[in-house]
């Protein structure tokens, strides 16, 4: 799940400025890259103003640039290539509370492919994919920094207290809004809420296996269990008799 939420919010926030938003809409409405002169003329603003806002949109990853000679000439005397702007390939999703429907879509699409090739039922395939995804998230988050980091060694390299902290951070980054309580961790938000309301057995099972995968990836003794509670995720993490640093 995407951990660059702050960057996404910042990127969208730059569109609050009316001229910048109009420039963005002008650029993305064209199939071909546009120049500063094109944009300034279309919006009736100074070229320097257009350049400032277009470059800001580029800095935030909403636009990308390329260079091209518009005269059609090449070689000496052809002039400098013009700086052109076009929509970037970056995709930005922001929802409040946080939802992760793109993640659900990827897991379910992969599960359908698995079911067609392995003989598993679609639900079994979805649960397996969710578990593997959760385990990968945890091992990646716990891995030591540096090029030599091996995700397979991540859980062993983290202390008991570190694993608890990593678990909470991954849950936060995944949109679950963890609330640490005396007997475990409640998940105050379901990142797949709309899907869960329409297909509770499928999505709650997928959530359960995703969270269980997180615990597996961290070699944690905690347990994931179904515990539907109004306004919460259907999954809860149980500590049992363990201390909070376990």
Protein backbone atom coordinates (compact mmCIF):
# COMPACT_ATOMS: atom_id res chain seq x y z
CA UNK A 1 0.00 0.00 0.00
CA UNK A 2 1.19 3.42 -0.89
CA UNK A 3 3.24 5.08 1.86
CA UNK A 4 3.61 8.44 0.09
CA UNK A 5 0.32 9.87 1.33
CA UNK A 6 1.87 13.19 2.35
CA UNK A 7 3.40 13.59 -1.10
CA UNK A 8 0.05 12.82 -2.73
CA UNK A 9 -1.74 15.40 -0.59
CA UNK A 10 0.91 17.98 -1.44
CA UNK A 11 0.64 17.23 -5.16
CA UNK A 12 -3.12 17.69 -5.16
CA UNK A 13 -2.84 20.80 -2.97
CA UNK A 14 -0.88 22.65 -5.65
CA UNK A 15 -3.99 22.54 -7.84
CA UNK A 16 -5.82 24.76 -5.36
CA UNK A 17 -4.28 27.83 -7.05
CA UNK A 18 -6.78 28.71 -9.84
CA UNK A 19 -4.28 29.63 -12.57
CA UNK A 20 -2.21 26.54 -11.89
CA UNK A 21 -5.28 24.34 -12.06
CA UNK A 22 -6.36 25.92 -15.38
CA UNK A 23 -2.90 25.31 -16.80
CA UNK A 24 -2.98 21.69 -15.70
CA UNK A 25 -6.40 21.20 -17.28
CA UNK A 26 -5.18 22.85 -20.49
CA UNK A 27 -2.13 20.58 -20.76
CA UNK A 28 -3.95 17.30 -20.05
CA UNK A 29 -6.70 18.20 -22.54
CA UNK A 30 -4.17 18.02 -25.40
CA UNK A 31 -2.93 14.79 -26.93
CA UNK A 32 0.41 16.41 -27.83
CA UNK A 33 2.82 18.22 -25.47
CA UNK A 34 2.27 21.97 -25.23
CA UNK A 35 4.73 24.83 -24.87
CA UNK A 36 4.78 27.69 -22.40
CA UNK A 37 3.83 30.04 -25.20
CA UNK A 38 0.85 27.87 -26.16
CA UNK A 39 -0.39 27.73 -22.58
CA UNK A 40 0.16 31.42 -21.88
CA UNK A 41 -1.67 32.43 -25.07
CA UNK A 42 -4.59 30.08 -24.41
CA UNK A 43 -5.11 31.35 -20.87
CA UNK A 44 -4.30 34.98 -21.60
CA UNK A 45 -1.55 35.21 -18.98
CA UNK A 46 2.12 36.32 -19.16
CA UNK A 47 4.60 33.70 -20.37
CA UNK A 48 6.62 34.01 -17.16
CA UNK A 49 3.51 33.25 -15.10
CA UNK A 50 2.74 30.21 -17.22
CA UNK A 51 6.35 29.01 -16.92
CA UNK A 52 6.32 29.36 -13.13
CA UNK A 53 3.14 27.36 -12.64
CA UNK A 54 3.99 24.72 -15.25
CA UNK A 55 7.35 24.12 -13.60
CA UNK A 56 5.67 23.85 -10.20
CA UNK A 57 3.31 21.23 -11.57
CA UNK A 58 6.34 19.41 -12.96
CA UNK A 59 8.14 19.57 -9.61
CA UNK A 60 5.13 17.91 -7.96
CA UNK A 61 5.09 15.13 -10.55
CA UNK A 62 1.75 16.09 -12.11
CA UNK A 63 3.37 17.03 -15.44
CA UNK A 64 6.47 15.88 -17.28
CA UNK A 65 8.62 17.72 -19.80
CA UNK A 66 10.26 16.96 -23.11
CA UNK A 67 12.13 19.04 -25.66
CA UNK A 68 11.32 19.45 -29.33
CA UNK A 69 12.11 21.83 -32.19
CA UNK A 70 8.81 23.25 -33.36
CA UNK A 71 10.32 24.78 -36.54
CA UNK A 72 10.85 21.41 -38.18
CA UNK A 73 14.45 22.36 -38.95
CA UNK A 74 17.52 20.53 -37.73
CA UNK A 75 21.22 21.25 -37.58
CA UNK A 76 23.00 24.58 -37.11
CA UNK A 77 20.66 27.54 -37.09
CA UNK A 78 17.62 25.45 -36.21
CA UNK A 79 17.33 27.11 -32.81
CA UNK A 80 17.04 25.65 -29.36
CA UNK A 81 14.44 22.94 -28.71
CA UNK A 82 11.32 24.22 -26.94
CA UNK A 83 10.46 22.94 -23.49
CA UNK A 84 7.12 21.14 -23.71
CA UNK A 85 4.75 19.83 -21.05
CA UNK A 86 2.49 16.79 -20.93
CA UNK A 87 0.63 14.75 -18.34
CA UNK A 88 2.84 12.50 -16.23
CA UNK A 89 2.24 8.79 -15.66
CA UNK A 90 1.87 9.35 -11.94
CA UNK A 91 -1.43 8.26 -10.42
CA UNK A 92 -2.68 9.95 -7.26
CA UNK A 93 -5.47 8.67 -5.04
CA UNK A 94 -6.57 10.39 -1.85
CA UNK A 95 -9.56 9.48 0.26
CA UNK A 96 -10.65 10.43 3.75
CA UNK A 97 -10.85 8.10 5.61
CA UNK A 98 -8.14 6.30 3.67
CA UNK A 99 -9.23 3.62 1.25
CA UNK A 100 -7.04 1.23 -0.74
CA UNK A 101 -9.30 0.02 -3.53
CA UNK A 102 -6.43 -0.19 -6.01
CA UNK A 103 -4.73 -2.70 -3.72
CA UNK A 104 -7.93 -4.74 -3.47
CA UNK A 105 -8.25 -4.67 -7.24
CA UNK A 106 -4.71 -5.93 -7.76
CA UNK A 107 -5.12 -8.71 -5.21
CA UNK A 108 -8.44 -9.87 -6.63
CA UNK A 109 -7.22 -9.71 -10.24
CA UNK A 110 -4.15 -11.77 -9.36
CA UNK A 111 -6.37 -14.21 -7.44
CA UNK A 112 -8.56 -14.79 -10.48
CA UNK A 113 -5.48 -15.63 -12.55
CA UNK A 114 -4.26 -17.96 -9.82
CA UNK A 115 -7.63 -19.69 -9.62
CA UNK A 116 -7.59 -20.32 -13.37
CA UNK A 117 -4.14 -21.89 -13.31
CA UNK A 118 -3.91 -23.65 -9.93
CA UNK A 119 -7.33 -25.14 -9.29
CA UNK A 120 -7.81 -23.08 -6.13
CA UNK A 121 -11.19 -21.50 -5.57
CA UNK A 122 -11.23 -17.73 -6.17
CA UNK A 123 -11.67 -17.14 -2.45
CA UNK A 124 -8.76 -19.39 -1.54
CA UNK A 125 -6.61 -17.66 -4.13
CA UNK A 126 -7.60 -14.22 -2.82
CA UNK A 127 -6.76 -15.22 0.74
CA UNK A 128 -3.37 -16.58 -0.31
CA UNK A 129 -2.56 -13.45 -2.31
CA UNK A 130 -3.59 -11.23 0.62
CA UNK A 131 -1.43 -13.21 3.05
CA UNK A 132 1.59 -13.03 0.73
CA UNK A 133 1.04 -9.31 0.25
CA UNK A 134 0.86 -8.66 3.98
CA UNK A 135 3.97 -10.75 4.60
CA UNK A 136 5.88 -8.82 1.92
CA UNK A 137 4.79 -5.49 3.40
CA UNK A 138 6.02 -6.50 6.82
CA UNK A 139 9.36 -7.90 5.70
CA UNK A 140 10.03 -4.85 3.55
CA UNK A 141 9.21 -2.47 6.39
CA UNK A 142 11.39 -4.39 8.86
CA UNK A 143 14.34 -4.84 6.50
CA UNK A 144 17.58 -3.06 7.44
CA UNK A 145 18.42 -0.06 5.28
CA UNK A 146 21.12 -0.39 2.66
CA UNK A 147 21.64 -2.22 -0.61
CA UNK A 148 22.55 -5.45 1.16
CA UNK A 149 19.25 -5.68 3.04
CA UNK A 150 17.56 -9.06 2.59
CA UNK A 151 13.78 -9.02 3.26
CA UNK A 152 13.94 -12.69 4.25
CA UNK A 153 16.17 -11.73 7.19
CA UNK A 154 14.06 -8.75 8.23
CA UNK A 155 12.03 -10.31 11.01
CA UNK A 156 15.06 -11.86 12.62
CA UNK A 157 16.97 -8.58 12.54
CA UNK A 158 14.27 -6.66 14.39
CA UNK A 159 13.93 -6.91 18.15
CA UNK A 160 10.66 -7.77 19.84
CA UNK A 161 9.84 -4.15 20.61
CA UNK A 162 10.91 -3.15 17.11
CA UNK A 163 8.48 -5.66 15.60
CA UNK A 164 5.62 -4.10 17.56
CA UNK A 165 6.56 -0.65 16.30
CA UNK A 166 6.94 -1.85 12.72
CA UNK A 167 3.55 -3.57 12.90
CA UNK A 168 1.83 -0.38 14.03
CA UNK A 169 3.59 1.69 11.35
CA UNK A 170 2.65 -0.72 8.56
CA UNK A 171 -0.96 -0.82 9.74
CA UNK A 172 -1.00 2.99 9.76
CA UNK A 173 0.54 3.17 6.30
CA UNK A 174 -1.98 0.64 5.03
CA UNK A 175 -4.96 2.71 6.16
CA UNK A 176 -6.11 0.50 9.05
CA UNK A 177 -5.85 3.25 11.71
CA UNK A 178 -4.57 0.95 14.50
CA UNK A 179 -5.62 1.69 18.07
CA UNK A 180 -3.42 -0.01 20.65
CA UNK A 181 -5.49 -1.35 23.55
CA UNK A 182 -4.78 -3.42 26.61
CA UNK A 183 -5.62 -6.74 24.97
CA UNK A 184 -4.48 -6.09 21.42
CA UNK A 185 -4.86 -3.72 18.50
CA UNK A 186 -8.21 -2.54 17.18
CA UNK A 187 -8.34 -1.46 13.54
CA UNK A 188 -10.54 1.62 13.40
CA UNK A 189 -10.73 1.84 9.60
CA UNK A 190 -11.28 -0.66 6.82
CA UNK A 191 -9.29 0.33 3.71
CA UNK A 192 -11.72 -1.72 1.60
CA UNK A 193 -14.90 -0.53 3.33
CA UNK A 194 -17.22 -0.17 0.32
CA UNK A 195 -16.23 -3.60 -0.99
CA UNK A 196 -16.56 -5.09 2.48
CA UNK A 197 -20.13 -3.80 2.79
CA UNK A 198 -21.10 -5.40 -0.52
CA UNK A 199 -19.07 -8.62 -0.19
CA UNK A 200 -18.34 -9.06 3.52
CA UNK A 201 -17.35 -12.73 3.53
CA UNK A 202 -14.88 -12.32 0.68
CA UNK A 203 -13.32 -9.01 1.72
CA UNK A 204 -13.25 -9.67 5.46
CA UNK A 205 -11.52 -12.98 4.78
CA UNK A 206 -9.01 -11.20 2.56
CA UNK A 207 -8.41 -8.60 5.29
CA UNK A 208 -7.91 -11.34 7.87
CA UNK A 209 -5.26 -13.05 5.76
CA UNK A 210 -3.56 -9.77 4.90
CA UNK A 211 -3.16 -8.88 8.59
CA UNK A 212 -2.11 -12.46 9.37
CA UNK A 213 0.53 -12.08 6.66
CA UNK A 214 1.83 -8.96 8.40
CA UNK A 215 2.22 -10.93 11.62
CA UNK A 216 3.92 -13.81 9.81
CA UNK A 217 6.31 -11.42 8.09
CA UNK A 218 7.32 -9.98 11.45
CA UNK A 219 7.50 -13.40 13.15
CA UNK A 220 5.03 -11.99 15.67
CA UNK A 221 3.25 -14.14 18.27
CA UNK A 222 0.15 -11.93 17.99
CA UNK A 223 -2.95 -13.32 16.30
CA UNK A 224 -5.34 -11.88 13.74
CA UNK A 225 -8.99 -12.74 14.29
CA UNK A 226 -12.37 -11.79 12.89
CA UNK A 227 -14.16 -9.51 15.34
CA UNK A 228 -16.71 -7.39 13.47
CA UNK A 229 -17.37 -4.10 15.27
CA UNK A 230 -19.48 -1.22 13.94
CA UNK A 231 -17.33 1.51 12.43
CA UNK A 232 -14.17 -0.66 12.51
CA UNK A 233 -12.37 -3.14 10.30
CA UNK A 234 -13.71 -6.65 10.78
CA UNK A 235 -10.25 -7.83 11.88
CA UNK A 236 -8.67 -7.37 15.28
CA UNK A 237 -5.18 -8.24 16.46
CA UNK A 238 -5.20 -10.15 19.72
CA UNK A 239 -2.34 -10.04 22.20
CA UNK A 240 -3.71 -12.64 24.58
CA UNK A 241 -1.42 -12.98 27.58
CA UNK A 242 1.49 -11.25 25.87
CA UNK A 243 2.92 -7.94 27.06
CA UNK A 244 2.81 -4.86 24.81
CA UNK A 245 6.51 -5.27 24.01
CA UNK A 246 5.91 -8.78 22.66
